[in-house]
Structure formats: structure tokens, C-alpha cells
């Protein structure tokens, strides 16, 4: 998805979208200077109001 398309769907500006990407709020991958946001990941995030889905991860502890 493009940044302008995401901004329009969220009713925010492009700068706000970039800030959300930098903070990890919107699921995306950064390749160099470019952000890759898949439609599936964004729509899942949008549908769940940004809440993570699946089982919660347990913290692993190293035994020495």
C-alpha cells in the first residue's frame, strides 16, 4: 500500500503515517529508504485496532 493511501484511510497526514511507521505502530518493513506495507498486514492491523493477534509471546530466560 502507498503512504498516501494509508493516510487517507486513517484520515491523517503523510508525516503522521511516517511517524507511525518509524515507531512500529503500523506493521511494515523498511528496505533502505522505502517502506513496504502489505495490504493484508495493514487491513489485519486496521481490523484489530492495532492490537497484536495470535498468542502472546513468553519471555525466554537463559539458564547459565
PDB file of N, CA and C in Angstrom:
ATOM      1  N   UNK A   1       0.848  -1.175   0.000  1.00  0.00           N
ATOM      2  CA  UNK A   1       0.000   0.000   0.000  1.00  0.00           C
ATOM      3  C   UNK A   1       0.890   1.232   0.000  1.00  0.00           C
ATOM      4  N   UNK A   2       0.376   2.287  -0.575  1.00  0.00           N
ATOM      5  CA  UNK A   2       1.153   3.526  -0.613  1.00  0.00           C
ATOM      6  C   UNK A   2       0.896   4.358   0.639  1.00  0.00           C
ATOM      7  N   UNK A   3       1.826   5.233   0.944  1.00  0.00           N
ATOM      8  CA  UNK A   3       1.693   6.116   2.110  1.00  0.00           C
ATOM      9  C   UNK A   3       0.467   7.028   1.968  1.00  0.00           C
ATOM     10  N   UNK A   4       0.229   7.638   0.796  1.00  0.00           N
ATOM     11  CA  UNK A   4      -0.974   8.465   0.664  1.00  0.00           C
ATOM     12  C   UNK A   4      -2.274   7.661   0.868  1.00  0.00           C
ATOM     13  N   UNK A   5      -2.296   6.420   0.411  1.00  0.00           N
ATOM     14  CA  UNK A   5      -3.488   5.580   0.601  1.00  0.00           C
ATOM     15  C   UNK A   5      -3.716   5.286   2.086  1.00  0.00           C
ATOM     16  N   UNK A   6      -2.651   4.997   2.808  1.00  0.00           N
ATOM     17  CA  UNK A   6      -2.766   4.745   4.254  1.00  0.00           C
ATOM     18  C   UNK A   6      -3.218   6.012   4.965  1.00  0.00           C
ATOM     19  N   UNK A   7      -2.637   7.165   4.596  1.00  0.00           N
ATOM     20  CA  UNK A   7      -3.008   8.433   5.214  1.00  0.00           C
ATOM     21  C   UNK A   7      -4.488   8.734   5.003  1.00  0.00           C
ATOM     22  N   UNK A   8      -4.979   8.459   3.810  1.00  0.00           N
ATOM     23  CA  UNK A   8      -6.386   8.715   3.519  1.00  0.00           C
ATOM     24  C   UNK A   8      -7.293   7.795   4.341  1.00  0.00           C
ATOM     25  N   UNK A   9      -6.923   6.525   4.443  1.00  0.00           N
ATOM     26  CA  UNK A   9      -7.749   5.577   5.203  1.00  0.00           C
ATOM     27  C   UNK A   9      -7.771   5.898   6.683  1.00  0.00           C
ATOM     28  N   UNK A  10      -6.681   6.461   7.200  1.00  0.00           N
ATOM     29  CA  UNK A  10      -6.615   6.803   8.625  1.00  0.00           C
ATOM     30  C   UNK A  10      -7.021   8.245   8.908  1.00  0.00           C
ATOM     31  N   UNK A  11      -7.267   9.017   7.852  1.00  0.00           N
ATOM     32  CA  UNK A  11      -7.611  10.436   7.975  1.00  0.00           C
ATOM     33  C   UNK A  11      -6.534  11.218   8.719  1.00  0.00           C
ATOM     34  N   UNK A  12      -5.290  10.966   8.336  1.00  0.00           N
ATOM     35  CA  UNK A  12      -4.155  11.704   8.901  1.00  0.00           C
ATOM     36  C   UNK A  12      -3.259  12.127   7.741  1.00  0.00           C
ATOM     37  N   UNK A  13      -2.263  12.911   8.034  1.00  0.00           N
ATOM     38  CA  UNK A  13      -1.331  13.358   7.009  1.00  0.00           C
ATOM     39  C   UNK A  13      -0.216  12.346   6.762  1.00  0.00           C
ATOM     40  N   UNK A  14       0.525  12.560   5.685  1.00  0.00           N
ATOM     41  CA  UNK A  14       1.627  11.659   5.339  1.00  0.00           C
ATOM     42  C   UNK A  14       2.697  11.628   6.422  1.00  0.00           C
ATOM     43  N   UNK A  15       2.985  12.788   7.014  1.00  0.00           N
ATOM     44  CA  UNK A  15       4.014  12.864   8.059  1.00  0.00           C
ATOM     45  C   UNK A  15       3.611  12.001   9.254  1.00  0.00           C
ATOM     46  N   UNK A  16       2.330  12.003   9.592  1.00  0.00           N
ATOM     47  CA  UNK A  16       1.837  11.170  10.698  1.00  0.00           C
ATOM     48  C   UNK A  16       2.006   9.690  10.377  1.00  0.00           C
ATOM     49  N   UNK A  17       1.766   9.315   9.131  1.00  0.00           N
ATOM     50  CA  UNK A  17       1.944   7.918   8.729  1.00  0.00           C
ATOM     51  C   UNK A  17       3.412   7.522   8.865  1.00  0.00           C
ATOM     52  N   UNK A  18       4.316   8.373   8.393  1.00  0.00           N
ATOM     53  CA  UNK A  18       5.740   8.070   8.529  1.00  0.00           C
ATOM     54  C   UNK A  18       6.147   7.953   9.991  1.00  0.00           C
ATOM     55  N   UNK A  19       5.609   8.798  10.849  1.00  0.00           N
ATOM     56  CA  UNK A  19       5.912   8.720  12.286  1.00  0.00           C
ATOM     57  C   UNK A  19       5.415   7.392  12.858  1.00  0.00           C
ATOM     58  N   UNK A  20       4.218   6.966  12.444  1.00  0.00           N
ATOM     59  CA  UNK A  20       3.671   5.689  12.926  1.00  0.00           C
ATOM     60  C   UNK A  20       4.510   4.516  12.425  1.00  0.00           C
ATOM     61  N   UNK A  21       5.021   4.612  11.214  1.00  0.00           N
ATOM     62  CA  UNK A  21       5.890   3.563  10.683  1.00  0.00           C
ATOM     63  C   UNK A  21       7.195   3.503  11.463  1.00  0.00           C
ATOM     64  N   UNK A  22       7.795   4.657  11.721  1.00  0.00           N
ATOM     65  CA  UNK A  22       9.060   4.716  12.464  1.00  0.00           C
ATOM     66  C   UNK A  22       8.907   4.145  13.872  1.00  0.00           C
ATOM     67  N   UNK A  23       7.754   4.380  14.497  1.00  0.00           N
ATOM     68  CA  UNK A  23       7.505   3.909  15.863  1.00  0.00           C
ATOM     69  C   UNK A  23       7.068   2.445  15.903  1.00  0.00           C
ATOM     70  N   UNK A  24       6.833   1.846  14.738  1.00  0.00           N
ATOM     71  CA  UNK A  24       6.407   0.450  14.701  1.00  0.00           C
ATOM     72  C   UNK A  24       4.934   0.254  14.980  1.00  0.00           C
ATOM     73  N   UNK A  25       4.155   1.312  14.907  1.00  0.00           N
ATOM     74  CA  UNK A  25       2.717   1.212  15.164  1.00  0.00           C
ATOM     75  C   UNK A  25       2.031   0.507  14.005  1.00  0.00           C
ATOM     76  N   UNK A  26       2.378   0.883  12.792  1.00  0.00           N
ATOM     77  CA  UNK A  26       1.829   0.245  11.596  1.00  0.00           C
ATOM     78  C   UNK A  26       2.798  -0.855  11.170  1.00  0.00           C
ATOM     79  N   UNK A  27       2.283  -2.074  10.908  1.00  0.00           N
ATOM     80  CA  UNK A  27       3.177  -3.169  10.517  1.00  0.00           C
ATOM     81  C   UNK A  27       3.771  -2.924   9.127  1.00  0.00           C
ATOM     82  N   UNK A  28       5.093  -2.883   9.061  1.00  0.00           N
ATOM     83  CA  UNK A  28       5.776  -2.609   7.796  1.00  0.00           C
ATOM     84  C   UNK A  28       7.216  -3.083   7.877  1.00  0.00           C
ATOM     85  N   UNK A  29       7.849  -3.128   6.713  1.00  0.00           N
ATOM     86  CA  UNK A  29       9.263  -3.476   6.614  1.00  0.00           C
ATOM     87  C   UNK A  29       9.954  -2.331   5.895  1.00  0.00           C
ATOM     88  N   UNK A  30      11.105  -1.965   6.391  1.00  0.00           N
ATOM     89  CA  UNK A  30      11.854  -0.885   5.741  1.00  0.00           C
ATOM     90  C   UNK A  30      12.979  -1.485   4.905  1.00  0.00           C
ATOM     91  N   UNK A  31      12.999  -1.111   3.638  1.00  0.00           N
ATOM     92  CA  UNK A  31      14.059  -1.528   2.725  1.00  0.00           C
ATOM     93  C   UNK A  31      14.768  -0.279   2.241  1.00  0.00           C
ATOM     94  N   UNK A  32      15.902  -0.005   2.837  1.00  0.00           N
ATOM     95  CA  UNK A  32      16.614   1.229   2.520  1.00  0.00           C
ATOM     96  C   UNK A  32      15.811   2.420   2.994  1.00  0.00           C
ATOM     97  N   UNK A  33      15.438   3.290   2.058  1.00  0.00           N
ATOM     98  CA  UNK A  33      14.629   4.462   2.406  1.00  0.00           C
ATOM     99  C   UNK A  33      13.142   4.210   2.177  1.00  0.00           C
ATOM    100  N   UNK A  34      12.805   3.032   1.705  1.00  0.00           N
ATOM    101  CA  UNK A  34      11.431   2.721   1.301  1.00  0.00           C
ATOM    102  C   UNK A  34      10.708   1.870   2.346  1.00  0.00           C
ATOM    103  N   UNK A  35       9.447   2.180   2.599  1.00  0.00           N
ATOM    104  CA  UNK A  35       8.604   1.396   3.497  1.00  0.00           C
ATOM    105  C   UNK A  35       7.716   0.478   2.667  1.00  0.00           C
ATOM    106  N   UNK A  36       7.658  -0.798   3.055  1.00  0.00           N
ATOM    107  CA  UNK A  36       6.802  -1.773   2.396  1.00  0.00           C
ATOM    108  C   UNK A  36       5.696  -2.137   3.372  1.00  0.00           C
ATOM    109  N   UNK A  37       4.459  -1.826   2.998  1.00  0.00           N
ATOM    110  CA  UNK A  37       3.284  -2.146   3.817  1.00  0.00           C
ATOM    111  C   UNK A  37       2.384  -3.024   2.963  1.00  0.00           C
ATOM    112  N   UNK A  38       2.212  -4.282   3.373  1.00  0.00           N
ATOM    113  CA  UNK A  38       1.336  -5.154   2.599  1.00  0.00           C
ATOM    114  C   UNK A  38      -0.120  -4.853   2.958  1.00  0.00           C
ATOM    115  N   UNK A  39      -0.976  -4.980   1.987  1.00  0.00           N
ATOM    116  CA  UNK A  39      -2.402  -4.725   2.199  1.00  0.00           C
ATOM    117  C   UNK A  39      -2.966  -5.667   3.264  1.00  0.00           C
ATOM    118  N   UNK A  40      -2.559  -6.933   3.217  1.00  0.00           N
ATOM    119  CA  UNK A  40      -3.067  -7.912   4.185  1.00  0.00           C
ATOM    120  C   UNK A  40      -2.684  -7.517   5.619  1.00  0.00           C
ATOM    121  N   UNK A  41      -1.406  -7.187   5.835  1.00  0.00           N
ATOM    122  CA  UNK A  41      -0.954  -6.814   7.177  1.00  0.00           C
ATOM    123  C   UNK A  41      -1.643  -5.544   7.659  1.00  0.00           C
ATOM    124  N   UNK A  42      -1.782  -4.551   6.761  1.00  0.00           N
ATOM    125  CA  UNK A  42      -2.422  -3.299   7.165  1.00  0.00           C
ATOM    126  C   UNK A  42      -3.893  -3.513   7.502  1.00  0.00           C
ATOM    127  N   UNK A  43      -4.612  -4.262   6.663  1.00  0.00           N
ATOM    128  CA  UNK A  43      -6.034  -4.484   6.918  1.00  0.00           C
ATOM    129  C   UNK A  43      -6.253  -5.305   8.183  1.00  0.00           C
ATOM    130  N   UNK A  44      -5.366  -6.255   8.459  1.00  0.00           N
ATOM    131  CA  UNK A  44      -5.456  -7.008   9.705  1.00  0.00           C
ATOM    132  C   UNK A  44      -5.220  -6.088  10.894  1.00  0.00           C
ATOM    133  N   UNK A  45      -4.220  -5.220  10.789  1.00  0.00           N
ATOM    134  CA  UNK A  45      -3.932  -4.249  11.849  1.00  0.00           C
ATOM    135  C   UNK A  45      -5.117  -3.305  12.042  1.00  0.00           C
ATOM    136  N   UNK A  46      -5.681  -2.840  10.937  1.00  0.00           N
ATOM    137  CA  UNK A  46      -6.812  -1.919  10.983  1.00  0.00           C
ATOM    138  C   UNK A  46      -8.040  -2.591  11.613  1.00  0.00           C
ATOM    139  N   UNK A  47      -8.274  -3.843  11.254  1.00  0.00           N
ATOM    140  CA  UNK A  47      -9.434  -4.593  11.762  1.00  0.00           C
ATOM    141  C   UNK A  47      -9.325  -4.855  13.266  1.00  0.00           C
ATOM    142  N   UNK A  48      -8.116  -5.063  13.752  1.00  0.00           N
ATOM    143  CA  UNK A  48      -7.922  -5.367  15.169  1.00  0.00           C
ATOM    144  C   UNK A  48      -7.553  -4.122  15.976  1.00  0.00           C
ATOM    145  N   UNK A  49      -7.736  -2.961  15.385  1.00  0.00           N
ATOM    146  CA  UNK A  49      -7.444  -1.684  16.060  1.00  0.00           C
ATOM    147  C   UNK A  49      -5.996  -1.595  16.525  1.00  0.00           C
ATOM    148  N   UNK A  50      -5.099  -2.217  15.781  1.00  0.00           N
ATOM    149  CA  UNK A  50      -3.686  -2.137  16.110  1.00  0.00           C
ATOM    150  C   UNK A  50      -3.236  -3.097  17.193  1.00  0.00           C
ATOM    151  N   UNK A  51      -4.145  -3.941  17.681  1.00  0.00           N
ATOM    152  CA  UNK A  51      -3.777  -4.905  18.718  1.00  0.00           C
ATOM    153  C   UNK A  51      -3.098  -6.096  18.068  1.00  0.00           C
ATOM    154  N   UNK A  52      -2.043  -6.654  18.700  1.00  0.00           N
ATOM    155  CA  UNK A  52      -1.397  -7.828  18.133  1.00  0.00           C
ATOM    156  C   UNK A  52      -2.361  -9.018  18.145  1.00  0.00           C
ATOM    157  N   UNK A  53      -2.233  -9.870  17.151  1.00  0.00           N
ATOM    158  CA  UNK A  53      -3.080 -11.051  17.085  1.00  0.00           C
ATOM    159  C   UNK A  53      -2.252 -12.286  17.398  1.00  0.00           C
ATOM    160  N   UNK A  54      -2.907 -13.374  17.655  1.00  0.00           N
ATOM    161  CA  UNK A  54      -2.208 -14.624  17.965  1.00  0.00           C
ATOM    162  C   UNK A  54      -1.947 -14.737  19.450  1.00  0.00           C
ATOM    163  N   UNK A  55      -1.192 -15.743  19.806  1.00  0.00           N
ATOM    164  CA  UNK A  55      -0.893 -15.992  21.209  1.00  0.00           C
ATOM    165  C   UNK A  55       0.195 -15.052  21.697  1.00  0.00           C
ATOM    166  N   UNK A  56       0.098 -14.635  22.955  1.00  0.00           N
ATOM    167  CA  UNK A  56       1.152 -13.768  23.489  1.00  0.00           C
ATOM    168  C   UNK A  56       2.461 -14.547  23.582  1.00  0.00           C
ATOM    169  N   UNK A  57       3.542 -13.851  23.344  1.00  0.00           N
ATOM    170  CA  UNK A  57       4.860 -14.490  23.426  1.00  0.00           C
ATOM    171  C   UNK A  57       5.327 -14.519  24.866  1.00  0.00           C
ATOM    172  N   UNK A  58       5.977 -15.609  25.224  1.00  0.00           N
ATOM    173  CA  UNK A  58       6.555 -15.717  26.548  1.00  0.00           C
ATOM    174  C   UNK A  58       7.996 -15.254  26.476  1.00  0.00           C
ATOM    175  N   UNK A  59       8.441 -14.624  27.533  1.00  0.00           N
ATOM    176  CA  UNK A  59       9.826 -14.184  27.615  1.00  0.00           C
ATOM    177  C   UNK A  59      10.714 -15.388  27.865  1.00  0.00           C
ATOM    178  N   UNK A  60      11.756 -15.526  27.068  1.00  0.00           N
ATOM    179  CA  UNK A  60      12.676 -16.627  27.259  1.00  0.00           C
ATOM    180  C   UNK A  60      13.788 -16.185  28.202  1.00  0.00           C
ATOM    181  N   UNK A  61      14.142 -17.084  29.110  1.00  0.00           N
ATOM    182  CA  UNK A  61      15.214 -16.794  30.047  1.00  0.00           C
ATOM    183  C   UNK A  61      16.367 -17.747  29.781  1.00  0.00           C
ATOM    184  N   UNK A  62      17.552 -17.209  29.776  1.00  0.00           N
ATOM    185  CA  UNK A  62      18.742 -18.023  29.554  1.00  0.00           C
ATOM    186  C   UNK A  62      19.218 -18.581  30.885  1.00  0.00           C
ATOM    187  N   UNK A  63      19.394 -19.881  30.930  1.00  0.00           N
ATOM    188  CA  UNK A  63      19.874 -20.521  32.153  1.00  0.00           C
ATOM    189  C   UNK A  63      21.362 -20.732  32.024  1.00  0.00           C
ATOM    190  N   UNK A  64      22.109 -20.267  33.032  1.00  0.00           N
ATOM    191  CA  UNK A  64      23.566 -20.418  32.963  1.00  0.00           C
ATOM    192  C   UNK A  64      24.067 -21.301  34.072  1.00  0.00           C
TER     193      UNK A  64
END
